[in-house]
Amino acid sequence: MVEPCGMQIRSSETRPITDDHPRTNSPREVMTMTKAKQITAWVESKPGELGSVAAALAKAKINISAVTCWSAGNENPIHLLVSNPAKARKVLQKLGVRVTEEEVLRVTLQDKPGVLGEVAVRLGAEKINIEYAYAAVTTGGKKADLILSVSDVMGASKALRK
């Protein structure tokens, strides 16, 4: 099923994407895509910071469904997709952690060669920059969840629905 380009995706909606990209003649694939609110906890570069953040969220019964972090100097980002972003923000602020939010795309793809490349090519063709991405596949899994921070979330949604 292909949705008209003008439809908006709310964070709770999942839309199938038909993959008939003419430049690559890729096989017909079905992906699902949702907009998600990602929170970023900005922490000091020292041992135990990720543990403190994860433990505080667990104590508040907030599930983490995706995470990526890295060292970037004195203040390091921990990007999180969580079950309750508003509650997570409050919990982390009580710890004294600076928290920011952004809208990202969560795209579920088949786990096979070429699918990530197809997504990146389609976004590039529409002049949409991928600022960063992270993904994971369970061992033996058939699908991967790809989290994309892009320069234009709605434009990316449209590009991937074409």
N, C-alpha and C. Protein backbone atom coordinates (compact mmCIF):
# COMPACT_ATOMS: atom_id res chain seq x y z
N MET A 1 0.84 -1.16 0.00
CA MET A 1 0.00 0.00 0.00
C MET A 1 0.89 1.23 0.00
N VAL A 2 0.65 2.16 -0.88
CA VAL A 2 1.41 3.40 -0.96
C VAL A 2 0.51 4.53 -0.52
N GLU A 3 0.99 5.33 0.42
CA GLU A 3 0.22 6.46 0.93
C GLU A 3 0.50 7.68 0.06
N PRO A 4 -0.49 8.55 -0.14
CA PRO A 4 -0.24 9.80 -0.86
C PRO A 4 0.82 10.61 -0.14
N CYS A 5 1.64 11.31 -0.90
CA CYS A 5 2.77 12.05 -0.32
C CYS A 5 2.35 13.11 0.67
N GLY A 6 1.15 13.65 0.56
CA GLY A 6 0.74 14.72 1.45
C GLY A 6 0.32 14.28 2.84
N MET A 7 0.26 12.99 3.11
CA MET A 7 -0.20 12.53 4.42
C MET A 7 0.89 12.71 5.46
N GLN A 8 0.51 13.16 6.63
CA GLN A 8 1.45 13.31 7.72
C GLN A 8 1.48 12.03 8.54
N ILE A 9 2.62 11.75 9.12
CA ILE A 9 2.77 10.60 10.00
C ILE A 9 2.85 11.11 11.42
N ARG A 10 1.97 10.68 12.26
CA ARG A 10 2.04 11.01 13.68
C ARG A 10 2.90 9.96 14.35
N SER A 11 3.41 10.27 15.53
CA SER A 11 4.36 9.37 16.18
C SER A 11 3.80 8.00 16.47
N SER A 12 2.49 7.87 16.56
CA SER A 12 1.91 6.58 16.89
C SER A 12 1.51 5.77 15.65
N GLU A 13 1.67 6.36 14.47
CA GLU A 13 1.24 5.68 13.26
C GLU A 13 2.38 4.89 12.63
N THR A 14 2.04 3.80 11.97
CA THR A 14 2.99 3.03 11.20
C THR A 14 2.46 2.99 9.78
N ARG A 15 3.31 3.31 8.83
CA ARG A 15 2.93 3.33 7.43
C ARG A 15 3.79 2.35 6.65
N PRO A 16 3.19 1.50 5.83
CA PRO A 16 4.01 0.66 4.96
C PRO A 16 4.61 1.51 3.85
N ILE A 17 5.79 1.16 3.43
CA ILE A 17 6.46 1.85 2.35
C ILE A 17 6.72 0.82 1.26
N THR A 18 6.28 1.10 0.07
CA THR A 18 6.55 0.20 -1.04
C THR A 18 7.84 0.63 -1.68
N ASP A 19 8.75 -0.29 -1.86
CA ASP A 19 10.05 0.02 -2.39
C ASP A 19 10.13 -0.40 -3.85
N ASP A 20 9.86 0.51 -4.75
CA ASP A 20 9.97 0.27 -6.18
C ASP A 20 10.90 1.31 -6.79
N HIS A 21 12.01 1.56 -6.16
CA HIS A 21 12.87 2.64 -6.59
C HIS A 21 13.41 2.34 -7.98
N PRO A 22 13.13 3.18 -8.97
CA PRO A 22 13.49 2.88 -10.34
C PRO A 22 14.99 2.87 -10.62
N ARG A 23 15.79 3.63 -9.84
CA ARG A 23 17.22 3.69 -10.16
C ARG A 23 17.94 2.39 -9.84
N THR A 24 17.43 1.61 -8.91
CA THR A 24 18.14 0.41 -8.53
C THR A 24 17.38 -0.86 -8.92
N ASN A 25 16.15 -0.71 -9.37
CA ASN A 25 15.32 -1.87 -9.69
C ASN A 25 15.31 -2.89 -8.57
N SER A 26 15.23 -2.39 -7.34
CA SER A 26 15.27 -3.26 -6.18
C SER A 26 13.98 -4.08 -6.11
N PRO A 27 14.05 -5.25 -5.48
CA PRO A 27 12.84 -6.04 -5.32
C PRO A 27 11.84 -5.31 -4.44
N ARG A 28 10.60 -5.68 -4.58
CA ARG A 28 9.54 -5.04 -3.80
C ARG A 28 9.75 -5.37 -2.33
N GLU A 29 9.94 -4.32 -1.53
CA GLU A 29 10.16 -4.47 -0.09
C GLU A 29 9.07 -3.73 0.64
N VAL A 30 8.78 -4.15 1.84
CA VAL A 30 7.85 -3.40 2.67
C VAL A 30 8.58 -3.00 3.94
N MET A 31 8.56 -1.69 4.24
CA MET A 31 9.16 -1.14 5.44
C MET A 31 8.05 -0.47 6.22
N THR A 32 8.22 -0.36 7.51
CA THR A 32 7.30 0.45 8.30
C THR A 32 8.10 1.61 8.87
N MET A 33 7.43 2.72 9.06
CA MET A 33 8.10 3.93 9.49
C MET A 33 7.23 4.66 10.50
N THR A 34 7.85 5.14 11.57
CA THR A 34 7.15 5.99 12.53
C THR A 34 8.05 7.17 12.88
N LYS A 35 7.42 8.29 13.18
CA LYS A 35 8.17 9.39 13.77
C LYS A 35 8.24 9.09 15.26
N ALA A 36 9.37 9.42 15.85
CA ALA A 36 9.55 9.17 17.28
C ALA A 36 10.22 10.37 17.92
N LYS A 37 9.91 10.60 19.18
CA LYS A 37 10.58 11.64 19.94
C LYS A 37 11.78 11.00 20.62
N GLN A 38 12.95 11.49 20.27
CA GLN A 38 14.19 11.00 20.87
C GLN A 38 14.63 12.01 21.92
N ILE A 39 15.02 11.52 23.07
CA ILE A 39 15.60 12.41 24.07
C ILE A 39 17.10 12.17 24.09
N THR A 40 17.82 13.23 24.38
CA THR A 40 19.27 13.11 24.50
C THR A 40 19.66 13.62 25.87
N ALA A 41 20.33 12.76 26.61
CA ALA A 41 20.89 13.12 27.91
C ALA A 41 22.34 13.51 27.67
N TRP A 42 22.71 14.69 28.08
CA TRP A 42 24.08 15.18 27.91
C TRP A 42 24.81 14.99 29.23
N VAL A 43 25.81 14.10 29.22
CA VAL A 43 26.49 13.71 30.46
C VAL A 43 27.99 13.98 30.36
N GLU A 44 28.64 14.01 31.52
CA GLU A 44 30.09 14.16 31.57
C GLU A 44 30.76 12.93 30.99
N SER A 45 31.97 13.10 30.52
CA SER A 45 32.75 11.99 30.00
C SER A 45 33.49 11.32 31.16
N LYS A 46 32.75 10.42 31.84
CA LYS A 46 33.36 9.69 32.94
C LYS A 46 32.63 8.37 33.12
N PRO A 47 33.30 7.38 33.71
CA PRO A 47 32.68 6.07 33.89
C PRO A 47 31.39 6.14 34.71
N GLY A 48 30.41 5.36 34.34
CA GLY A 48 29.19 5.23 35.12
C GLY A 48 28.03 6.11 34.68
N GLU A 49 28.26 7.04 33.76
CA GLU A 49 27.19 7.97 33.37
C GLU A 49 26.04 7.24 32.67
N LEU A 50 26.33 6.37 31.72
CA LEU A 50 25.27 5.61 31.05
C LEU A 50 24.52 4.76 32.06
N GLY A 51 25.24 4.14 32.97
CA GLY A 51 24.61 3.34 34.01
C GLY A 51 23.66 4.14 34.88
N SER A 52 24.07 5.34 35.25
CA SER A 52 23.22 6.21 36.08
C SER A 52 21.94 6.57 35.35
N VAL A 53 22.06 6.93 34.07
CA VAL A 53 20.89 7.30 33.27
C VAL A 53 19.95 6.11 33.12
N ALA A 54 20.49 4.96 32.73
CA ALA A 54 19.67 3.77 32.52
C ALA A 54 19.00 3.31 33.82
N ALA A 55 19.74 3.36 34.93
CA ALA A 55 19.18 2.95 36.21
C ALA A 55 18.05 3.88 36.66
N ALA A 56 18.22 5.17 36.47
CA ALA A 56 17.18 6.13 36.86
C ALA A 56 15.91 5.91 36.03
N LEU A 57 16.07 5.65 34.75
CA LEU A 57 14.89 5.39 33.90
C LEU A 57 14.22 4.07 34.29
N ALA A 58 15.02 3.06 34.59
CA ALA A 58 14.45 1.77 35.01
C ALA A 58 13.67 1.92 36.31
N LYS A 59 14.23 2.66 37.25
CA LYS A 59 13.55 2.88 38.53
C LYS A 59 12.20 3.57 38.33
N ALA A 60 12.11 4.43 37.32
CA ALA A 60 10.86 5.13 37.01
C ALA A 60 9.95 4.32 36.08
N LYS A 61 10.34 3.06 35.81
CA LYS A 61 9.55 2.16 34.95
C LYS A 61 9.45 2.68 33.51
N ILE A 62 10.51 3.30 33.03
CA ILE A 62 10.57 3.80 31.67
C ILE A 62 11.45 2.83 30.86
N ASN A 63 10.88 2.28 29.80
CA ASN A 63 11.61 1.34 28.97
C ASN A 63 12.44 2.08 27.92
N ILE A 64 13.64 1.59 27.69
CA ILE A 64 14.51 2.11 26.64
C ILE A 64 14.42 1.13 25.47
N SER A 65 13.96 1.61 24.31
CA SER A 65 13.85 0.73 23.14
C SER A 65 14.99 0.92 22.15
N ALA A 66 15.73 2.01 22.27
CA ALA A 66 16.91 2.23 21.42
C ALA A 66 17.84 3.19 22.14
N VAL A 67 19.14 2.99 21.96
CA VAL A 67 20.13 3.85 22.60
C VAL A 67 21.39 3.88 21.75
N THR A 68 22.03 5.02 21.71
CA THR A 68 23.37 5.15 21.17
C THR A 68 24.07 6.26 21.93
N CYS A 69 25.36 6.10 22.15
CA CYS A 69 26.12 7.13 22.84
C CYS A 69 27.57 7.03 22.41
N TRP A 70 28.29 8.12 22.60
CA TRP A 70 29.70 8.14 22.26
C TRP A 70 30.37 9.27 23.02
N SER A 71 31.68 9.22 23.03
CA SER A 71 32.46 10.26 23.69
C SER A 71 32.71 11.39 22.70
N ALA A 72 32.41 12.60 23.13
CA ALA A 72 32.57 13.76 22.25
C ALA A 72 33.20 14.92 23.00
N GLY A 73 34.14 14.64 23.85
CA GLY A 73 34.77 15.71 24.63
C GLY A 73 34.29 15.68 26.06
N ASN A 74 33.99 16.86 26.60
CA ASN A 74 33.57 16.95 28.00
C ASN A 74 32.12 16.57 28.23
N GLU A 75 31.25 16.85 27.26
CA GLU A 75 29.82 16.56 27.40
C GLU A 75 29.43 15.58 26.28
N ASN A 76 28.92 14.44 26.67
CA ASN A 76 28.65 13.37 25.71
C ASN A 76 27.15 13.11 25.57
N PRO A 77 26.69 12.87 24.34
CA PRO A 77 25.26 12.60 24.13
C PRO A 77 24.92 11.13 24.35
N ILE A 78 23.80 10.91 25.02
CA ILE A 78 23.19 9.58 25.09
C ILE A 78 21.82 9.74 24.44
N HIS A 79 21.69 9.27 23.20
CA HIS A 79 20.42 9.37 22.47
C HIS A 79 19.55 8.17 22.85
N LEU A 80 18.30 8.45 23.22
CA LEU A 80 17.41 7.40 23.73
C LEU A 80 16.02 7.49 23.11
N LEU A 81 15.48 6.35 22.72
CA LEU A 81 14.05 6.23 22.45
C LEU A 81 13.48 5.50 23.64
N VAL A 82 12.49 6.12 24.28
CA VAL A 82 11.95 5.58 25.53
C VAL A 82 10.43 5.51 25.46
N SER A 83 9.86 4.75 26.38
CA SER A 83 8.41 4.54 26.40
C SER A 83 7.64 5.80 26.80
N ASN A 84 8.25 6.71 27.54
CA ASN A 84 7.57 7.92 27.98
C ASN A 84 8.57 9.07 28.00
N PRO A 85 8.74 9.77 26.86
CA PRO A 85 9.75 10.83 26.79
C PRO A 85 9.56 11.96 27.81
N ALA A 86 8.33 12.38 28.04
CA ALA A 86 8.09 13.48 28.98
C ALA A 86 8.52 13.09 30.40
N LYS A 87 8.15 11.89 30.81
CA LYS A 87 8.53 11.41 32.14
C LYS A 87 10.05 11.23 32.23
N ALA A 88 10.64 10.71 31.16
CA ALA A 88 12.10 10.50 31.15
C ALA A 88 12.83 11.83 31.29
N ARG A 89 12.33 12.85 30.61
CA ARG A 89 12.94 14.18 30.71
C ARG A 89 12.96 14.64 32.17
N LYS A 90 11.82 14.50 32.85
CA LYS A 90 11.73 14.94 34.25
C LYS A 90 12.68 14.14 35.14
N VAL A 91 12.71 12.83 34.96
CA VAL A 91 13.59 11.97 35.76
C VAL A 91 15.05 12.39 35.59
N LEU A 92 15.45 12.60 34.34
CA LEU A 92 16.85 12.94 34.07
C LEU A 92 17.19 14.35 34.54
N GLN A 93 16.26 15.27 34.41
CA GLN A 93 16.52 16.62 34.91
C GLN A 93 16.69 16.63 36.43
N LYS A 94 15.96 15.76 37.13
CA LYS A 94 16.13 15.65 38.58
C LYS A 94 17.53 15.15 38.94
N LEU A 95 18.17 14.40 38.02
CA LEU A 95 19.55 13.95 38.23
C LEU A 95 20.55 15.07 37.94
N GLY A 96 20.06 16.19 37.41
CA GLY A 96 20.94 17.28 37.04
C GLY A 96 21.52 17.14 35.64
N VAL A 97 20.89 16.30 34.83
CA VAL A 97 21.35 16.05 33.47
C VAL A 97 20.63 17.01 32.52
N ARG A 98 21.38 17.62 31.62
CA ARG A 98 20.76 18.44 30.57
C ARG A 98 20.11 17.50 29.55
N VAL A 99 18.85 17.79 29.18
CA VAL A 99 18.11 16.92 28.28
C VAL A 99 17.59 17.76 27.11
N THR A 100 17.76 17.24 25.91
CA THR A 100 17.19 17.85 24.71
C THR A 100 16.31 16.81 24.03
N GLU A 101 15.44 17.28 23.14
CA GLU A 101 14.54 16.39 22.41
C GLU A 101 14.61 16.71 20.93
N GLU A 102 14.39 15.70 20.11
CA GLU A 102 14.27 15.90 18.68
C GLU A 102 13.39 14.80 18.10
N GLU A 103 12.83 15.11 16.96
CA GLU A 103 12.02 14.14 16.24
C GLU A 103 12.94 13.37 15.29
N VAL A 104 12.82 12.05 15.32
CA VAL A 104 13.60 11.18 14.43
C VAL A 104 12.63 10.23 13.73
N LEU A 105 13.14 9.53 12.74
CA LEU A 105 12.37 8.49 12.08
C LEU A 105 12.85 7.14 12.57
N ARG A 106 11.92 6.26 12.84
CA ARG A 106 12.24 4.87 13.18
C ARG A 106 11.70 4.03 12.03
N VAL A 107 12.60 3.44 11.27
CA VAL A 107 12.24 2.69 10.08
C VAL A 107 12.58 1.22 10.33
N THR A 108 11.61 0.35 10.15
CA THR A 108 11.85 -1.09 10.27
C THR A 108 12.05 -1.64 8.86
N LEU A 109 13.20 -2.24 8.65
CA LEU A 109 13.61 -2.74 7.34
C LEU A 109 13.83 -4.23 7.38
N GLN A 110 13.79 -4.86 6.22
CA GLN A 110 14.21 -6.26 6.15
C GLN A 110 15.72 -6.29 6.34
N ASP A 111 16.21 -7.31 7.03
CA ASP A 111 17.63 -7.47 7.26
C ASP A 111 18.24 -8.23 6.10
N LYS A 112 18.65 -7.50 5.08
CA LYS A 112 19.29 -8.11 3.93
C LYS A 112 20.16 -7.08 3.23
N PRO A 113 21.14 -7.53 2.48
CA PRO A 113 22.05 -6.60 1.82
C PRO A 113 21.33 -5.61 0.90
N GLY A 114 21.76 -4.36 0.96
CA GLY A 114 21.27 -3.35 0.05
C GLY A 114 20.13 -2.49 0.56
N VAL A 115 19.44 -2.91 1.59
CA VAL A 115 18.26 -2.17 2.04
C VAL A 115 18.66 -0.83 2.66
N LEU A 116 19.67 -0.81 3.51
CA LEU A 116 20.14 0.45 4.08
C LEU A 116 20.61 1.39 2.98
N GLY A 117 21.36 0.87 2.03
CA GLY A 117 21.82 1.69 0.91
C GLY A 117 20.68 2.30 0.13
N GLU A 118 19.62 1.54 -0.06
CA GLU A 118 18.45 2.04 -0.78
C GLU A 118 17.82 3.21 -0.05
N VAL A 119 17.67 3.10 1.26
CA VAL A 119 17.11 4.18 2.06
C VAL A 119 18.00 5.43 1.93
N ALA A 120 19.30 5.26 2.07
CA ALA A 120 20.22 6.40 2.01
C ALA A 120 20.22 7.04 0.63
N VAL A 121 20.17 6.25 -0.42
CA VAL A 121 20.13 6.78 -1.79
C VAL A 121 18.86 7.59 -2.01
N ARG A 122 17.73 7.06 -1.55
CA ARG A 122 16.47 7.77 -1.74
C ARG A 122 16.45 9.11 -1.01
N LEU A 123 16.97 9.14 0.20
CA LEU A 123 17.02 10.39 0.94
C LEU A 123 17.99 11.37 0.28
N GLY A 124 19.14 10.89 -0.15
CA GLY A 124 20.11 11.74 -0.84
C GLY A 124 19.54 12.33 -2.12
N ALA A 125 18.78 11.54 -2.85
CA ALA A 125 18.17 12.01 -4.10
C ALA A 125 17.20 13.17 -3.85
N GLU A 126 16.63 13.22 -2.65
CA GLU A 126 15.70 14.31 -2.29
C GLU A 126 16.41 15.43 -1.52
N LYS A 127 17.76 15.37 -1.49
CA LYS A 127 18.58 16.39 -0.81
C LYS A 127 18.31 16.45 0.69
N ILE A 128 18.02 15.28 1.28
CA ILE A 128 17.80 15.19 2.72
C ILE A 128 19.06 14.62 3.36
N ASN A 129 19.65 15.39 4.27
CA ASN A 129 20.88 14.97 4.92
C ASN A 129 20.59 14.04 6.09
N ILE A 130 21.32 12.95 6.16
CA ILE A 130 21.27 12.07 7.34
C ILE A 130 22.32 12.59 8.31
N GLU A 131 21.86 13.15 9.41
CA GLU A 131 22.78 13.72 10.39
C GLU A 131 23.49 12.62 11.17
N TYR A 132 22.78 11.59 11.53
CA TYR A 132 23.34 10.37 12.09
C TYR A 132 22.27 9.30 12.07
N ALA A 133 22.70 8.07 12.22
CA ALA A 133 21.77 6.94 12.21
C ALA A 133 22.32 5.86 13.13
N TYR A 134 21.44 5.06 13.68
CA TYR A 134 21.87 3.88 14.42
C TYR A 134 20.83 2.79 14.25
N ALA A 135 21.28 1.56 14.31
CA ALA A 135 20.40 0.43 14.03
C ALA A 135 20.90 -0.81 14.75
N ALA A 136 20.02 -1.78 14.83
CA ALA A 136 20.39 -3.07 15.42
C ALA A 136 19.49 -4.16 14.87
N VAL A 137 20.03 -5.36 14.82
CA VAL A 137 19.29 -6.54 14.41
C VAL A 137 19.59 -7.62 15.44
N THR A 138 18.57 -8.31 15.90
CA THR A 138 18.83 -9.43 16.80
C THR A 138 19.43 -10.57 16.00
N THR A 139 20.26 -11.38 16.62
CA THR A 139 20.86 -12.52 15.94
C THR A 139 19.77 -13.41 15.38
N GLY A 140 19.86 -13.68 14.11
CA GLY A 140 18.84 -14.51 13.45
C GLY A 140 17.58 -13.75 13.12
N GLY A 141 17.56 -12.46 13.38
CA GLY A 141 16.38 -11.64 13.11
C GLY A 141 16.17 -11.43 11.63
N LYS A 142 14.96 -11.13 11.26
CA LYS A 142 14.60 -10.89 9.86
C LYS A 142 14.44 -9.41 9.56
N LYS A 143 14.34 -8.59 10.61
CA LYS A 143 14.11 -7.16 10.42
C LYS A 143 15.08 -6.37 11.28
N ALA A 144 15.32 -5.13 10.86
CA ALA A 144 16.19 -4.22 11.60
C ALA A 144 15.43 -2.93 11.85
N ASP A 145 15.64 -2.32 12.99
CA ASP A 145 15.11 -0.99 13.27
C ASP A 145 16.24 0.00 13.05
N LEU A 146 16.00 0.95 12.16
CA LEU A 146 16.96 2.00 11.83
C LEU A 146 16.42 3.31 12.36
N ILE A 147 17.20 4.00 13.17
CA ILE A 147 16.81 5.30 13.70
C ILE A 147 17.58 6.34 12.90
N LEU A 148 16.86 7.29 12.30
CA LEU A 148 17.47 8.31 11.45
C LEU A 148 17.20 9.70 12.00
N SER A 149 18.25 10.44 12.22
CA SER A 149 18.12 11.87 12.49
C SER A 149 18.43 12.55 11.16
N VAL A 150 17.44 13.25 10.63
CA VAL A 150 17.57 13.82 9.29
C VAL A 150 17.28 15.32 9.32
N SER A 151 17.73 16.00 8.28
CA SER A 151 17.54 17.45 8.20
C SER A 151 16.09 17.84 7.98
N ASP A 152 15.27 16.94 7.45
CA ASP A 152 13.87 17.24 7.14
C ASP A 152 13.05 15.96 7.35
N VAL A 153 12.43 15.84 8.53
CA VAL A 153 11.70 14.61 8.87
C VAL A 153 10.52 14.38 7.92
N MET A 154 9.72 15.41 7.65
CA MET A 154 8.57 15.22 6.76
C MET A 154 9.03 14.92 5.34
N GLY A 155 10.09 15.60 4.88
CA GLY A 155 10.61 15.33 3.55
C GLY A 155 11.13 13.90 3.45
N ALA A 156 11.80 13.44 4.50
CA ALA A 156 12.29 12.07 4.51
C ALA A 156 11.13 11.07 4.49
N SER A 157 10.08 11.37 5.26
CA SER A 157 8.90 10.50 5.25
C SER A 157 8.33 10.38 3.85
N LYS A 158 8.23 11.51 3.17
CA LYS A 158 7.70 11.51 1.80
C LYS A 158 8.62 10.75 0.86
N ALA A 159 9.90 10.98 0.96
CA ALA A 159 10.88 10.33 0.07
C ALA A 159 10.85 8.82 0.23
N LEU A 160 10.68 8.35 1.46
CA LEU A 160 10.69 6.91 1.69
C LEU A 160 9.35 6.26 1.35
N ARG A 161 8.31 7.07 1.20
CA ARG A 161 7.00 6.52 0.80
C ARG A 161 6.84 6.47 -0.70
N LYS A 162 7.74 7.08 -1.45
CA LYS A 162 7.60 7.10 -2.92
C LYS A 162 7.72 5.72 -3.49
